[in-house]
Amino acid sequence: MQFEDYIDDIARAAGFLSRLPMPARHFKDHDGSLSRAASMFPVAGLLIALGPGLVVWLLTALEANAALTSLITLMLLIGLTGALHEDGLADSADAFGARGGREHMLTIMKDSRIGAYGVLALMVSFSLRAAALTIIIAATGGLNALLLLIAVAAMSRSAMVWHWSVLPLARVDGVAAAVGAPDATTSKRTILIGGVLFLLLASLATGLMTAAIALGLSVAAAWQWTGAVRARLGGHTGDTIGATQQISETAALAALALLL
């Protein structure tokens, strides 16, 4: 691959995962597949979180309240992604919380309405991330909080690709099926990029041991979730991929907050 190919993949990954405007030239003659661009998901995650992270740094420098800064930051992140991953978490929670077999679960995931389990999952996820980010800001300061935020964003997008690659399709008519699937080489590259970015950036903020433990706990959370999806659905959907991002991000932020 040439350097321009990597830039194209970053733009395509960021364009899919967020509402950030990307130059049209990166999508010219592109068939919409993300099989190759998935390797740049961690870099796209870093770019998505960079703006909100800079807001954290600025507000902290202005001595703004840590809790309010945390809420503003999460609102910006949700706005930039269009709540893409939150939607996956809510749909997955509704499906896994309902009684019924595999086909019933898949039907629930396709329903645009949200149920009680989805609402509760969003409340728990948002609350944990807000509380954890508040603690991180108060304990480490604005610059270190910025580093941790973009580190978690990169790592959680690599977790998505891992979940995507180790499970087969649960259905053939969903978003995940339409955009292709990463092969083993792409998945390994993505995991490597996400892991290295997380350890490098988080270590600068908290030290290597804390970063390594937080990474391990996040991996464990994604592993458990993927096992549950395999057992109940037999494969992934776009919703379970999005839920993987939310679960790994929440686990990482909570772990970092507890370890500081």
C-alpha atoms as a PDB file:
ATOM      1  CA  MET A   1       0.000   0.000   0.000  1.00  0.00           C
ATOM      2  CA  GLN A   2       1.100   3.546  -0.733  1.00  0.00           C
ATOM      3  CA  PHE A   3       0.907   6.459   1.685  1.00  0.00           C
ATOM      4  CA  GLU A   4      -2.152   7.828  -0.127  1.00  0.00           C
ATOM      5  CA  ASP A   5      -3.959   4.539   0.496  1.00  0.00           C
ATOM      6  CA  TYR A   6      -3.546   4.934   4.249  1.00  0.00           C
ATOM      7  CA  ILE A   7      -4.886   8.485   4.083  1.00  0.00           C
ATOM      8  CA  ASP A   8      -7.882   7.228   2.088  1.00  0.00           C
ATOM      9  CA  ASP A   9      -8.532   4.535   4.676  1.00  0.00           C
ATOM     10  CA  ILE A  10      -8.350   6.998   7.561  1.00  0.00           C
ATOM     11  CA  ALA A  11     -10.797   9.327   5.812  1.00  0.00           C
ATOM     12  CA  ARG A  12     -13.186   6.476   4.997  1.00  0.00           C
ATOM     13  CA  ALA A  13     -13.022   5.117   8.532  1.00  0.00           C
ATOM     14  CA  ALA A  14     -13.616   8.543  10.068  1.00  0.00           C
ATOM     15  CA  GLY A  15     -16.410   9.238   7.606  1.00  0.00           C
ATOM     16  CA  PHE A  16     -18.176   6.016   8.543  1.00  0.00           C
ATOM     17  CA  LEU A  17     -17.670   6.301  12.306  1.00  0.00           C
ATOM     18  CA  SER A  18     -18.470   9.989  12.675  1.00  0.00           C
ATOM     19  CA  ARG A  19     -20.044  13.065  11.171  1.00  0.00           C
ATOM     20  CA  LEU A  20     -16.692  14.715  10.579  1.00  0.00           C
ATOM     21  CA  PRO A  21     -16.619  16.147   7.028  1.00  0.00           C
ATOM     22  CA  MET A  22     -14.126  14.258   4.858  1.00  0.00           C
ATOM     23  CA  PRO A  23     -12.893  15.392   1.411  1.00  0.00           C
ATOM     24  CA  ALA A  24     -14.874  13.772  -1.402  1.00  0.00           C
ATOM     25  CA  ARG A  25     -11.699  12.706  -3.241  1.00  0.00           C
ATOM     26  CA  HIS A  26     -11.133   9.945  -0.677  1.00  0.00           C
ATOM     27  CA  PHE A  27     -14.410   8.300  -1.683  1.00  0.00           C
ATOM     28  CA  LYS A  28     -14.094   8.600  -5.460  1.00  0.00           C
ATOM     29  CA  ASP A  29     -14.681   5.217  -7.154  1.00  0.00           C
ATOM     30  CA  HIS A  30     -14.935   3.576  -3.733  1.00  0.00           C
ATOM     31  CA  ASP A  31     -17.429   0.715  -3.439  1.00  0.00           C
ATOM     32  CA  GLY A  32     -18.304   1.432   0.204  1.00  0.00           C
ATOM     33  CA  SER A  33     -16.404  -1.537   1.604  1.00  0.00           C
ATOM     34  CA  LEU A  34     -14.616  -1.092   4.930  1.00  0.00           C
ATOM     35  CA  SER A  35     -12.697  -4.367   4.798  1.00  0.00           C
ATOM     36  CA  ARG A  36      -9.369  -2.571   4.355  1.00  0.00           C
ATOM     37  CA  ALA A  37     -10.229   0.759   5.975  1.00  0.00           C
ATOM     38  CA  ALA A  38     -11.113  -1.064   9.218  1.00  0.00           C
ATOM     39  CA  SER A  39      -7.396  -1.172  10.030  1.00  0.00           C
ATOM     40  CA  MET A  40      -7.520   2.609  10.469  1.00  0.00           C
ATOM     41  CA  PHE A  41     -10.462   2.589  12.896  1.00  0.00           C
ATOM     42  CA  PRO A  42      -8.153   3.315  15.875  1.00  0.00           C
ATOM     43  CA  VAL A  43      -6.674   6.334  14.102  1.00  0.00           C
ATOM     44  CA  ALA A  44     -10.173   7.512  13.190  1.00  0.00           C
ATOM     45  CA  GLY A  45     -11.181   7.128  16.833  1.00  0.00           C
ATOM     46  CA  LEU A  46      -8.242   9.276  17.858  1.00  0.00           C
ATOM     47  CA  LEU A  47      -9.270  11.981  15.390  1.00  0.00           C
ATOM     48  CA  ILE A  48     -12.895  11.873  16.566  1.00  0.00           C
ATOM     49  CA  ALA A  49     -11.901  12.322  20.219  1.00  0.00           C
ATOM     50  CA  LEU A  50      -9.225  14.949  19.591  1.00  0.00           C
ATOM     51  CA  GLY A  51     -11.634  17.903  19.432  1.00  0.00           C
ATOM     52  CA  PRO A  52     -13.524  16.998  22.620  1.00  0.00           C
ATOM     53  CA  GLY A  53     -10.177  16.270  24.262  1.00  0.00           C
ATOM     54  CA  LEU A  54      -8.923  19.747  23.432  1.00  0.00           C
ATOM     55  CA  VAL A  55     -12.123  21.122  24.967  1.00  0.00           C
ATOM     56  CA  VAL A  56     -11.276  19.237  28.170  1.00  0.00           C
ATOM     57  CA  TRP A  57      -7.802  20.753  28.167  1.00  0.00           C
ATOM     58  CA  LEU A  58      -9.149  24.267  27.550  1.00  0.00           C
ATOM     59  CA  LEU A  59     -11.919  24.122  30.142  1.00  0.00           C
ATOM     60  CA  THR A  60      -9.578  22.645  32.725  1.00  0.00           C
ATOM     61  CA  ALA A  61      -7.069  25.420  32.055  1.00  0.00           C
ATOM     62  CA  LEU A  62      -9.922  27.876  32.689  1.00  0.00           C
ATOM     63  CA  GLU A  63     -10.596  26.063  35.999  1.00  0.00           C
ATOM     64  CA  ALA A  64     -14.058  24.921  34.937  1.00  0.00           C
ATOM     65  CA  ASN A  65     -15.901  22.407  37.089  1.00  0.00           C
ATOM     66  CA  ALA A  66     -14.655  18.881  36.345  1.00  0.00           C
ATOM     67  CA  ALA A  67     -18.132  17.306  36.326  1.00  0.00           C
ATOM     68  CA  LEU A  68     -19.532  19.911  33.939  1.00  0.00           C
ATOM     69  CA  THR A  69     -16.452  19.573  31.724  1.00  0.00           C
ATOM     70  CA  SER A  70     -17.002  15.828  31.620  1.00  0.00           C
ATOM     71  CA  LEU A  71     -20.638  16.181  30.575  1.00  0.00           C
ATOM     72  CA  ILE A  72     -19.834  18.714  27.868  1.00  0.00           C
ATOM     73  CA  THR A  73     -17.098  16.453  26.525  1.00  0.00           C
ATOM     74  CA  LEU A  74     -19.360  13.405  26.314  1.00  0.00           C
ATOM     75  CA  MET A  75     -22.071  15.463  24.620  1.00  0.00           C
ATOM     76  CA  LEU A  76     -19.545  16.575  22.005  1.00  0.00           C
ATOM     77  CA  LEU A  77     -18.406  12.994  21.429  1.00  0.00           C
ATOM     78  CA  ILE A  78     -21.974  11.798  20.993  1.00  0.00           C
ATOM     79  CA  GLY A  79     -22.676  14.661  18.611  1.00  0.00           C
ATOM     80  CA  LEU A  80     -19.600  13.882  16.512  1.00  0.00           C
ATOM     81  CA  THR A  81     -20.510  10.207  16.163  1.00  0.00           C
ATOM     82  CA  GLY A  82     -24.233  10.811  15.758  1.00  0.00           C
ATOM     83  CA  ALA A  83     -24.738   8.425  18.707  1.00  0.00           C
ATOM     84  CA  LEU A  84     -23.767   5.602  16.335  1.00  0.00           C
ATOM     85  CA  HIS A  85     -22.294   3.388  19.030  1.00  0.00           C
ATOM     86  CA  GLU A  86     -24.878   4.321  21.647  1.00  0.00           C
ATOM     87  CA  ASP A  87     -27.583   3.174  19.243  1.00  0.00           C
ATOM     88  CA  GLY A  88     -25.843  -0.190  18.941  1.00  0.00           C
ATOM     89  CA  LEU A  89     -25.609  -0.513  22.708  1.00  0.00           C
ATOM     90  CA  ALA A  90     -29.303   0.302  23.206  1.00  0.00           C
ATOM     91  CA  ASP A  91     -30.489  -2.095  20.499  1.00  0.00           C
ATOM     92  CA  SER A  92     -28.246  -4.860  21.819  1.00  0.00           C
ATOM     93  CA  ALA A  93     -29.482  -4.361  25.374  1.00  0.00           C
ATOM     94  CA  ASP A  94     -33.094  -4.554  24.256  1.00  0.00           C
ATOM     95  CA  ALA A  95     -32.417  -7.736  22.295  1.00  0.00           C
ATOM     96  CA  PHE A  96     -30.413  -9.478  25.009  1.00  0.00           C
ATOM     97  CA  GLY A  97     -32.803  -8.392  27.726  1.00  0.00           C
ATOM     98  CA  ALA A  98     -35.887  -9.730  25.957  1.00  0.00           C
ATOM     99  CA  ARG A  99     -37.080 -13.293  26.243  1.00  0.00           C
ATOM    100  CA  GLY A 100     -37.001 -15.302  23.074  1.00  0.00           C
ATOM    101  CA  GLY A 101     -34.674 -16.990  20.641  1.00  0.00           C
ATOM    102  CA  ARG A 102     -32.182 -15.766  18.074  1.00  0.00           C
ATOM    103  CA  GLU A 103     -34.674 -14.653  15.435  1.00  0.00           C
ATOM    104  CA  HIS A 104     -36.676 -12.684  17.992  1.00  0.00           C
ATOM    105  CA  MET A 105     -33.493 -10.938  19.120  1.00  0.00           C
ATOM    106  CA  LEU A 106     -32.573 -10.011  15.554  1.00  0.00           C
ATOM    107  CA  THR A 107     -36.063  -8.647  14.983  1.00  0.00           C
ATOM    108  CA  ILE A 108     -35.744  -6.437  18.061  1.00  0.00           C
ATOM    109  CA  MET A 109     -32.395  -5.109  16.837  1.00  0.00           C
ATOM    110  CA  LYS A 110     -33.986  -4.011  13.550  1.00  0.00           C
ATOM    111  CA  ASP A 111     -36.764  -2.136  15.392  1.00  0.00           C
ATOM    112  CA  SER A 112     -36.039   1.601  15.558  1.00  0.00           C
ATOM    113  CA  ARG A 113     -37.894   1.929  18.853  1.00  0.00           C
ATOM    114  CA  ILE A 114     -36.038   1.760  22.159  1.00  0.00           C
ATOM    115  CA  GLY A 115     -37.165  -0.295  25.138  1.00  0.00           C
ATOM    116  CA  ALA A 116     -36.543  -0.265  28.861  1.00  0.00           C
ATOM    117  CA  TYR A 117     -33.349  -2.330  28.635  1.00  0.00           C
ATOM    118  CA  GLY A 118     -31.932   0.020  26.022  1.00  0.00           C
ATOM    119  CA  VAL A 119     -32.718   3.089  28.127  1.00  0.00           C
ATOM    120  CA  LEU A 120     -31.136   1.532  31.202  1.00  0.00           C
ATOM    121  CA  ALA A 121     -28.027   0.509  29.261  1.00  0.00           C
ATOM    122  CA  LEU A 122     -27.558   4.061  27.972  1.00  0.00           C
ATOM    123  CA  MET A 123     -28.093   5.500  31.451  1.00  0.00           C
ATOM    124  CA  VAL A 124     -25.536   3.159  33.004  1.00  0.00           C
ATOM    125  CA  SER A 125     -22.997   3.666  30.221  1.00  0.00           C
ATOM    126  CA  PHE A 126     -23.285   7.453  30.184  1.00  0.00           C
ATOM    127  CA  SER A 127     -23.249   7.708  33.978  1.00  0.00           C
ATOM    128  CA  LEU A 128     -20.166   5.523  34.340  1.00  0.00           C
ATOM    129  CA  ARG A 129     -18.283   7.389  31.625  1.00  0.00           C
ATOM    130  CA  ALA A 130     -19.256  10.791  33.029  1.00  0.00           C
ATOM    131  CA  ALA A 131     -18.234   9.851  36.568  1.00  0.00           C
ATOM    132  CA  ALA A 132     -15.003   8.242  35.408  1.00  0.00           C
ATOM    133  CA  LEU A 133     -14.027  11.178  33.207  1.00  0.00           C
ATOM    134  CA  THR A 134     -14.775  13.586  36.053  1.00  0.00           C
ATOM    135  CA  ILE A 135     -12.397  11.660  38.310  1.00  0.00           C
ATOM    136  CA  ILE A 136      -9.752  11.512  35.588  1.00  0.00           C
ATOM    137  CA  ILE A 137      -9.926  15.265  34.995  1.00  0.00           C
ATOM    138  CA  ALA A 138      -9.772  16.059  38.705  1.00  0.00           C
ATOM    139  CA  ALA A 139      -6.929  13.610  39.373  1.00  0.00           C
ATOM    140  CA  THR A 140      -4.693  14.118  36.341  1.00  0.00           C
ATOM    141  CA  GLY A 141      -5.424  17.555  34.887  1.00  0.00           C
ATOM    142  CA  GLY A 142      -6.513  18.665  31.446  1.00  0.00           C
ATOM    143  CA  LEU A 143      -3.566  17.508  29.330  1.00  0.00           C
ATOM    144  CA  ASN A 144      -3.481  14.024  30.805  1.00  0.00           C
ATOM    145  CA  ALA A 145      -7.258  13.734  30.503  1.00  0.00           C
ATOM    146  CA  LEU A 146      -6.889  14.640  26.820  1.00  0.00           C
ATOM    147  CA  LEU A 147      -4.288  11.901  26.351  1.00  0.00           C
ATOM    148  CA  LEU A 148      -6.463   9.330  28.099  1.00  0.00           C
ATOM    149  CA  LEU A 149      -9.577  10.296  26.172  1.00  0.00           C
ATOM    150  CA  ILE A 150      -7.962   9.852  22.768  1.00  0.00           C
ATOM    151  CA  ALA A 151      -6.198   6.686  23.949  1.00  0.00           C
ATOM    152  CA  VAL A 152      -9.504   5.116  24.951  1.00  0.00           C
ATOM    153  CA  ALA A 153     -11.144   6.264  21.713  1.00  0.00           C
ATOM    154  CA  ALA A 154      -8.439   4.555  19.644  1.00  0.00           C
ATOM    155  CA  MET A 155      -8.478   1.331  21.654  1.00  0.00           C
ATOM    156  CA  SER A 156     -12.258   0.992  21.711  1.00  0.00           C
ATOM    157  CA  ARG A 157     -12.429   1.261  17.902  1.00  0.00           C
ATOM    158  CA  SER A 158      -9.897  -1.552  17.581  1.00  0.00           C
ATOM    159  CA  ALA A 159     -12.097  -3.637  19.902  1.00  0.00           C
ATOM    160  CA  MET A 160     -14.930  -3.138  17.412  1.00  0.00           C
ATOM    161  CA  VAL A 161     -12.865  -4.594  14.608  1.00  0.00           C
ATOM    162  CA  TRP A 162     -11.763  -7.557  16.724  1.00  0.00           C
ATOM    163  CA  HIS A 163     -15.390  -8.382  17.594  1.00  0.00           C
ATOM    164  CA  TRP A 164     -16.307  -7.928  13.936  1.00  0.00           C
ATOM    165  CA  SER A 165     -13.585 -10.267  12.701  1.00  0.00           C
ATOM    166  CA  VAL A 166     -13.868 -13.170  15.167  1.00  0.00           C
ATOM    167  CA  LEU A 167     -17.622 -13.682  14.721  1.00  0.00           C
ATOM    168  CA  PRO A 168     -19.510 -14.582  11.546  1.00  0.00           C
ATOM    169  CA  LEU A 169     -22.451 -12.545  10.305  1.00  0.00           C
ATOM    170  CA  ALA A 170     -25.649 -13.044  12.268  1.00  0.00           C
ATOM    171  CA  ARG A 171     -27.718 -11.893   9.282  1.00  0.00           C
ATOM    172  CA  VAL A 172     -26.986 -11.078   5.673  1.00  0.00           C
ATOM    173  CA  ASP A 173     -29.098  -7.937   5.265  1.00  0.00           C
ATOM    174  CA  GLY A 174     -27.629  -5.626   7.897  1.00  0.00           C
ATOM    175  CA  VAL A 175     -25.098  -2.784   7.873  1.00  0.00           C
ATOM    176  CA  ALA A 176     -22.248  -5.084   8.889  1.00  0.00           C
ATOM    177  CA  ALA A 177     -22.927  -7.289   5.874  1.00  0.00           C
ATOM    178  CA  ALA A 178     -23.137  -4.331   3.480  1.00  0.00           C
ATOM    179  CA  VAL A 179     -19.684  -2.929   4.283  1.00  0.00           C
ATOM    180  CA  GLY A 180     -17.759  -6.203   4.164  1.00  0.00           C
ATOM    181  CA  ALA A 181     -15.610  -7.687   6.905  1.00  0.00           C
ATOM    182  CA  PRO A 182     -11.958  -7.296   7.892  1.00  0.00           C
ATOM    183  CA  ASP A 183      -9.722 -10.269   7.165  1.00  0.00           C
ATOM    184  CA  ALA A 184      -7.307 -11.774   9.694  1.00  0.00           C
ATOM    185  CA  THR A 185      -4.407  -9.558   8.603  1.00  0.00           C
ATOM    186  CA  THR A 186      -6.482  -6.384   8.892  1.00  0.00           C
ATOM    187  CA  SER A 187      -7.786  -7.434  12.303  1.00  0.00           C
ATOM    188  CA  LYS A 188      -4.282  -8.104  13.642  1.00  0.00           C
ATOM    189  CA  ARG A 189      -3.043  -4.771  12.310  1.00  0.00           C
ATOM    190  CA  THR A 190      -5.977  -2.967  13.903  1.00  0.00           C
ATOM    191  CA  ILE A 191      -5.441  -4.606  17.286  1.00  0.00           C
ATOM    192  CA  LEU A 192      -1.744  -3.748  17.144  1.00  0.00           C
ATOM    193  CA  ILE A 193      -2.381  -0.105  16.239  1.00  0.00           C
ATOM    194  CA  GLY A 194      -5.097   0.325  18.867  1.00  0.00           C
ATOM    195  CA  GLY A 195      -3.095  -1.396  21.594  1.00  0.00           C
ATOM    196  CA  VAL A 196       0.094   0.531  20.907  1.00  0.00           C
ATOM    197  CA  LEU A 197      -1.712   3.867  20.735  1.00  0.00           C
ATOM    198  CA  PHE A 198      -3.481   3.172  24.014  1.00  0.00           C
ATOM    199  CA  LEU A 199      -0.372   2.039  25.899  1.00  0.00           C
ATOM    200  CA  LEU A 200       1.726   4.905  24.540  1.00  0.00           C
ATOM    201  CA  LEU A 201      -0.767   7.684  25.232  1.00  0.00           C
ATOM    202  CA  ALA A 202      -2.130   6.310  28.505  1.00  0.00           C
ATOM    203  CA  SER A 203       1.354   5.593  29.835  1.00  0.00           C
ATOM    204  CA  LEU A 204       2.315   9.228  29.292  1.00  0.00           C
ATOM    205  CA  ALA A 205      -0.654  10.227  31.453  1.00  0.00           C
ATOM    206  CA  THR A 206      -0.716   7.557  34.169  1.00  0.00           C
ATOM    207  CA  GLY A 207       2.318   5.301  33.851  1.00  0.00           C
ATOM    208  CA  LEU A 208       2.732   1.955  32.099  1.00  0.00           C
ATOM    209  CA  MET A 209       1.352  -0.270  34.875  1.00  0.00           C
ATOM    210  CA  THR A 210      -1.924   1.619  35.195  1.00  0.00           C
ATOM    211  CA  ALA A 211      -2.289   1.749  31.415  1.00  0.00           C
ATOM    212  CA  ALA A 212      -1.633  -1.985  31.074  1.00  0.00           C
ATOM    213  CA  ILE A 213      -4.157  -2.925  33.773  1.00  0.00           C
ATOM    214  CA  ALA A 214      -6.826  -0.680  32.248  1.00  0.00           C
ATOM    215  CA  LEU A 215      -6.168  -2.199  28.831  1.00  0.00           C
ATOM    216  CA  GLY A 216      -6.437  -5.701  30.251  1.00  0.00           C
ATOM    217  CA  LEU A 217      -9.760  -4.971  31.936  1.00  0.00           C
ATOM    218  CA  SER A 218     -11.142  -3.423  28.769  1.00  0.00           C
ATOM    219  CA  VAL A 219     -10.054  -6.440  26.725  1.00  0.00           C
ATOM    220  CA  ALA A 220     -11.703  -8.730  29.281  1.00  0.00           C
ATOM    221  CA  ALA A 221     -14.974  -6.786  28.999  1.00  0.00           C
ATOM    222  CA  ALA A 222     -14.940  -6.983  25.188  1.00  0.00           C
ATOM    223  CA  TRP A 223     -14.065 -10.692  25.389  1.00  0.00           C
ATOM    224  CA  GLN A 224     -16.986 -11.439  27.724  1.00  0.00           C
ATOM    225  CA  TRP A 225     -19.398  -9.490  25.547  1.00  0.00           C
ATOM    226  CA  THR A 226     -18.223 -11.250  22.403  1.00  0.00           C
ATOM    227  CA  GLY A 227     -18.672 -14.604  24.112  1.00  0.00           C
ATOM    228  CA  ALA A 228     -22.228 -13.683  25.058  1.00  0.00           C
ATOM    229  CA  VAL A 229     -22.991 -12.607  21.491  1.00  0.00           C
ATOM    230  CA  ARG A 230     -21.553 -15.850  20.135  1.00  0.00           C
ATOM    231  CA  ALA A 231     -23.676 -17.895  22.552  1.00  0.00           C
ATOM    232  CA  ARG A 232     -26.966 -16.050  21.987  1.00  0.00           C
ATOM    233  CA  LEU A 233     -26.773 -14.886  18.350  1.00  0.00           C
ATOM    234  CA  GLY A 234     -24.078 -17.026  16.815  1.00  0.00           C
ATOM    235  CA  GLY A 235     -22.616 -13.995  15.040  1.00  0.00           C
ATOM    236  CA  HIS A 236     -22.210 -10.235  14.975  1.00  0.00           C
ATOM    237  CA  THR A 237     -24.465  -7.432  13.785  1.00  0.00           C
ATOM    238  CA  GLY A 238     -23.789  -3.731  13.353  1.00  0.00           C
ATOM    239  CA  ASP A 239     -25.437  -3.227  16.743  1.00  0.00           C
ATOM    240  CA  THR A 240     -23.199  -5.688  18.569  1.00  0.00           C
ATOM    241  CA  ILE A 241     -20.150  -4.100  16.962  1.00  0.00           C
ATOM    242  CA  GLY A 242     -21.252  -0.674  18.193  1.00  0.00           C
ATOM    243  CA  ALA A 243     -21.987  -2.085  21.639  1.00  0.00           C
ATOM    244  CA  THR A 244     -18.442  -3.471  21.747  1.00  0.00           C
ATOM    245  CA  GLN A 245     -17.077   0.046  21.374  1.00  0.00           C
ATOM    246  CA  GLN A 246     -19.256   1.335  24.198  1.00  0.00           C
ATOM    247  CA  ILE A 247     -18.459  -1.555  26.517  1.00  0.00           C
ATOM    248  CA  SER A 248     -14.699  -1.357  25.993  1.00  0.00           C
ATOM    249  CA  GLU A 249     -14.687   2.442  26.305  1.00  0.00           C
ATOM    250  CA  THR A 250     -16.723   2.388  29.499  1.00  0.00           C
ATOM    251  CA  ALA A 251     -14.568  -0.372  30.984  1.00  0.00           C
ATOM    252  CA  ALA A 252     -11.341   1.481  30.165  1.00  0.00           C
ATOM    253  CA  LEU A 253     -12.481   4.831  31.570  1.00  0.00           C
ATOM    254  CA  ALA A 254     -13.880   3.209  34.718  1.00  0.00           C
ATOM    255  CA  ALA A 255     -10.689   1.199  35.226  1.00  0.00           C
ATOM    256  CA  LEU A 256      -8.491   4.273  34.786  1.00  0.00           C
ATOM    257  CA  ALA A 257     -10.609   6.250  37.259  1.00  0.00           C
ATOM    258  CA  LEU A 258     -10.434   3.479  39.852  1.00  0.00           C
ATOM    259  CA  LEU A 259      -6.682   3.092  39.461  1.00  0.00           C
ATOM    260  CA  LEU A 260      -5.768   6.787  39.750  1.00  0.00           C
END
